[in-house]
C-alpha cells in the first residue's frame, strides 16, 4: 500500500510543480490549428474518394 501512496504523491507533485501548462491563448491557437488541419485532411480524403469512384465507374463501364 505504501508504493501506491508514494506513486500518487509523486504524480501529484509532478503535475503541480513540474508540468508547464499552456496559456489560454496558446490553447486557442493549438485548437484552431488542429481544426484547420482536420478540415484539410477531410477535404483531401473526400477528393480521393470521389476520384477513385469516378475512375472505377469509368473502368467498369468499359467492360459492361
N, C-alpha and C. Protein backbone atom coordinates (compact mmCIF):
# COMPACT_ATOMS: atom_id res chain seq x y z
N UNK A 1 0.82 -1.20 0.00
CA UNK A 1 0.00 0.00 0.00
C UNK A 1 0.86 1.26 0.00
N UNK A 2 2.03 1.14 0.55
CA UNK A 2 2.94 2.29 0.64
C UNK A 2 3.41 2.72 -0.75
N UNK A 3 3.60 1.74 -1.64
CA UNK A 3 4.05 2.07 -3.00
C UNK A 3 2.98 2.84 -3.76
N UNK A 4 1.73 2.47 -3.55
CA UNK A 4 0.63 3.15 -4.23
C UNK A 4 0.54 4.60 -3.74
N UNK A 5 0.66 4.77 -2.45
CA UNK A 5 0.60 6.12 -1.87
C UNK A 5 1.76 6.98 -2.38
N UNK A 6 2.94 6.41 -2.45
CA UNK A 6 4.11 7.12 -2.96
C UNK A 6 3.92 7.49 -4.43
N UNK A 7 3.33 6.57 -5.20
CA UNK A 7 3.09 6.82 -6.62
C UNK A 7 2.17 8.02 -6.81
N UNK A 8 1.05 8.03 -6.10
CA UNK A 8 0.10 9.14 -6.24
C UNK A 8 0.68 10.46 -5.73
N UNK A 9 1.47 10.40 -4.69
CA UNK A 9 2.09 11.61 -4.17
C UNK A 9 3.09 12.18 -5.18
N UNK A 10 3.90 11.32 -5.76
CA UNK A 10 4.88 11.80 -6.74
C UNK A 10 4.20 12.26 -8.03
N UNK A 11 3.12 11.62 -8.42
CA UNK A 11 2.37 12.04 -9.59
C UNK A 11 1.76 13.42 -9.38
N UNK A 12 1.15 13.63 -8.25
CA UNK A 12 0.58 14.93 -7.92
C UNK A 12 1.67 16.01 -7.90
N UNK A 13 2.79 15.70 -7.28
CA UNK A 13 3.89 16.66 -7.19
C UNK A 13 4.38 17.05 -8.58
N UNK A 14 4.49 16.07 -9.46
CA UNK A 14 4.97 16.36 -10.81
C UNK A 14 3.96 17.21 -11.58
N UNK A 15 2.67 16.91 -11.46
CA UNK A 15 1.65 17.68 -12.18
C UNK A 15 1.57 19.12 -11.68
N UNK A 16 1.77 19.32 -10.39
CA UNK A 16 1.62 20.66 -9.83
C UNK A 16 2.89 21.50 -10.00
N UNK A 17 4.05 20.88 -9.85
CA UNK A 17 5.29 21.66 -9.79
C UNK A 17 6.19 21.56 -11.02
N UNK A 18 6.04 20.53 -11.82
CA UNK A 18 6.99 20.33 -12.91
C UNK A 18 6.39 20.50 -14.32
N UNK A 19 5.09 20.34 -14.43
CA UNK A 19 4.45 20.42 -15.74
C UNK A 19 4.17 21.88 -16.07
N UNK A 20 4.48 22.26 -17.31
CA UNK A 20 4.18 23.61 -17.78
C UNK A 20 2.88 23.55 -18.57
N UNK A 21 1.86 24.20 -18.05
CA UNK A 21 0.56 24.19 -18.71
C UNK A 21 0.48 25.34 -19.70
N UNK A 22 -0.18 25.12 -20.85
CA UNK A 22 -0.28 26.20 -21.84
C UNK A 22 -1.20 27.32 -21.35
N UNK A 23 -0.94 28.50 -21.87
CA UNK A 23 -1.82 29.62 -21.56
C UNK A 23 -3.09 29.49 -22.39
N UNK A 24 -4.10 30.31 -22.07
CA UNK A 24 -5.37 30.25 -22.79
C UNK A 24 -5.19 30.58 -24.27
N UNK A 25 -4.36 31.55 -24.58
CA UNK A 25 -4.16 31.92 -25.99
C UNK A 25 -3.40 30.83 -26.74
N UNK A 26 -2.44 30.19 -26.10
CA UNK A 26 -1.73 29.07 -26.74
C UNK A 26 -2.69 27.91 -27.00
N UNK A 27 -3.58 27.68 -26.06
CA UNK A 27 -4.56 26.60 -26.21
C UNK A 27 -5.52 26.89 -27.36
N UNK A 28 -5.96 28.13 -27.48
CA UNK A 28 -6.85 28.51 -28.57
C UNK A 28 -6.14 28.38 -29.92
N UNK A 29 -4.89 28.82 -29.99
CA UNK A 29 -4.13 28.71 -31.23
C UNK A 29 -3.96 27.26 -31.65
N UNK A 30 -3.62 26.41 -30.70
CA UNK A 30 -3.46 24.99 -31.00
C UNK A 30 -4.76 24.37 -31.46
N UNK A 31 -5.87 24.74 -30.84
CA UNK A 31 -7.17 24.20 -31.23
C UNK A 31 -7.52 24.62 -32.65
N UNK A 32 -7.23 25.86 -33.01
CA UNK A 32 -7.51 26.34 -34.37
C UNK A 32 -6.65 25.59 -35.39
N UNK A 33 -5.39 25.37 -35.07
CA UNK A 33 -4.50 24.63 -35.98
C UNK A 33 -5.03 23.22 -36.19
N UNK A 34 -5.46 22.57 -35.13
CA UNK A 34 -6.00 21.20 -35.24
C UNK A 34 -7.28 21.19 -36.07
N UNK A 35 -8.16 22.16 -35.86
CA UNK A 35 -9.41 22.20 -36.63
C UNK A 35 -9.15 22.44 -38.11
N UNK A 36 -8.24 23.36 -38.43
CA UNK A 36 -7.93 23.63 -39.84
C UNK A 36 -7.29 22.41 -40.49
N UNK A 37 -6.37 21.78 -39.80
CA UNK A 37 -5.73 20.58 -40.34
C UNK A 37 -6.75 19.46 -40.55
N UNK A 38 -7.70 19.32 -39.63
CA UNK A 38 -8.73 18.29 -39.77
C UNK A 38 -9.61 18.54 -40.99
N UNK A 39 -9.97 19.79 -41.21
CA UNK A 39 -10.79 20.13 -42.38
C UNK A 39 -10.03 19.86 -43.67
N UNK A 40 -8.76 20.23 -43.71
CA UNK A 40 -7.95 20.00 -44.90
C UNK A 40 -7.82 18.51 -45.19
N UNK A 41 -7.55 17.72 -44.18
CA UNK A 41 -7.42 16.27 -44.37
C UNK A 41 -8.74 15.67 -44.81
N UNK A 42 -9.85 16.12 -44.21
CA UNK A 42 -11.17 15.61 -44.61
C UNK A 42 -11.46 15.93 -46.07
N UNK A 43 -11.11 17.14 -46.52
CA UNK A 43 -11.32 17.51 -47.93
C UNK A 43 -10.45 16.67 -48.85
N UNK A 44 -9.22 16.39 -48.46
CA UNK A 44 -8.34 15.54 -49.28
C UNK A 44 -8.90 14.12 -49.39
N UNK A 45 -9.37 13.57 -48.28
CA UNK A 45 -9.95 12.23 -48.31
C UNK A 45 -11.20 12.20 -49.18
N UNK A 46 -12.03 13.24 -49.07
CA UNK A 46 -13.23 13.33 -49.90
C UNK A 46 -12.86 13.39 -51.39
N UNK A 47 -11.87 14.20 -51.73
CA UNK A 47 -11.44 14.33 -53.12
C UNK A 47 -10.91 13.00 -53.65
N UNK A 48 -10.13 12.30 -52.83
CA UNK A 48 -9.61 10.99 -53.24
C UNK A 48 -10.75 10.00 -53.44
N UNK A 49 -11.74 10.02 -52.55
CA UNK A 49 -12.87 9.11 -52.64
C UNK A 49 -13.66 9.35 -53.93
N UNK A 50 -13.94 10.60 -54.22
CA UNK A 50 -14.68 10.93 -55.44
C UNK A 50 -13.87 10.55 -56.68
N UNK A 51 -12.59 10.82 -56.65
CA UNK A 51 -11.74 10.49 -57.80
C UNK A 51 -11.71 8.99 -58.05
N UNK A 52 -11.48 8.21 -57.01
CA UNK A 52 -11.42 6.75 -57.18
C UNK A 52 -12.78 6.20 -57.62
N UNK A 53 -13.87 6.76 -57.10
CA UNK A 53 -15.19 6.30 -57.52
C UNK A 53 -15.39 6.55 -59.01
N UNK A 54 -15.02 7.75 -59.46
CA UNK A 54 -15.18 8.07 -60.89
C UNK A 54 -14.28 7.20 -61.77
N UNK A 55 -13.06 6.97 -61.33
CA UNK A 55 -12.14 6.13 -62.10
C UNK A 55 -12.67 4.70 -62.20
N UNK A 56 -13.15 4.16 -61.08
CA UNK A 56 -13.66 2.79 -61.09
C UNK A 56 -14.95 2.68 -61.90
N UNK A 57 -15.83 3.67 -61.81
CA UNK A 57 -17.04 3.65 -62.64
C UNK A 57 -16.68 3.68 -64.13
N UNK A 58 -15.68 4.46 -64.49
CA UNK A 58 -15.23 4.51 -65.87
C UNK A 58 -14.68 3.16 -66.32
N UNK A 59 -13.82 2.56 -65.46
CA UNK A 59 -13.25 1.27 -65.82
C UNK A 59 -14.30 0.18 -65.90
N UNK A 60 -15.24 0.15 -64.96
CA UNK A 60 -16.31 -0.85 -65.01
C UNK A 60 -17.19 -0.63 -66.23
N UNK A 61 -17.37 0.62 -66.61
CA UNK A 61 -18.19 0.93 -67.79
C UNK A 61 -17.57 0.42 -69.07
N UNK A 62 -16.26 0.27 -69.11
CA UNK A 62 -15.59 -0.25 -70.31
C UNK A 62 -15.90 -1.72 -70.54
N UNK A 63 -16.14 -2.45 -69.45
CA UNK A 63 -16.32 -3.90 -69.58
C UNK A 63 -17.77 -4.34 -69.54
N UNK A 64 -18.70 -3.45 -69.22
CA UNK A 64 -20.11 -3.86 -69.15
C UNK A 64 -20.97 -3.05 -70.04
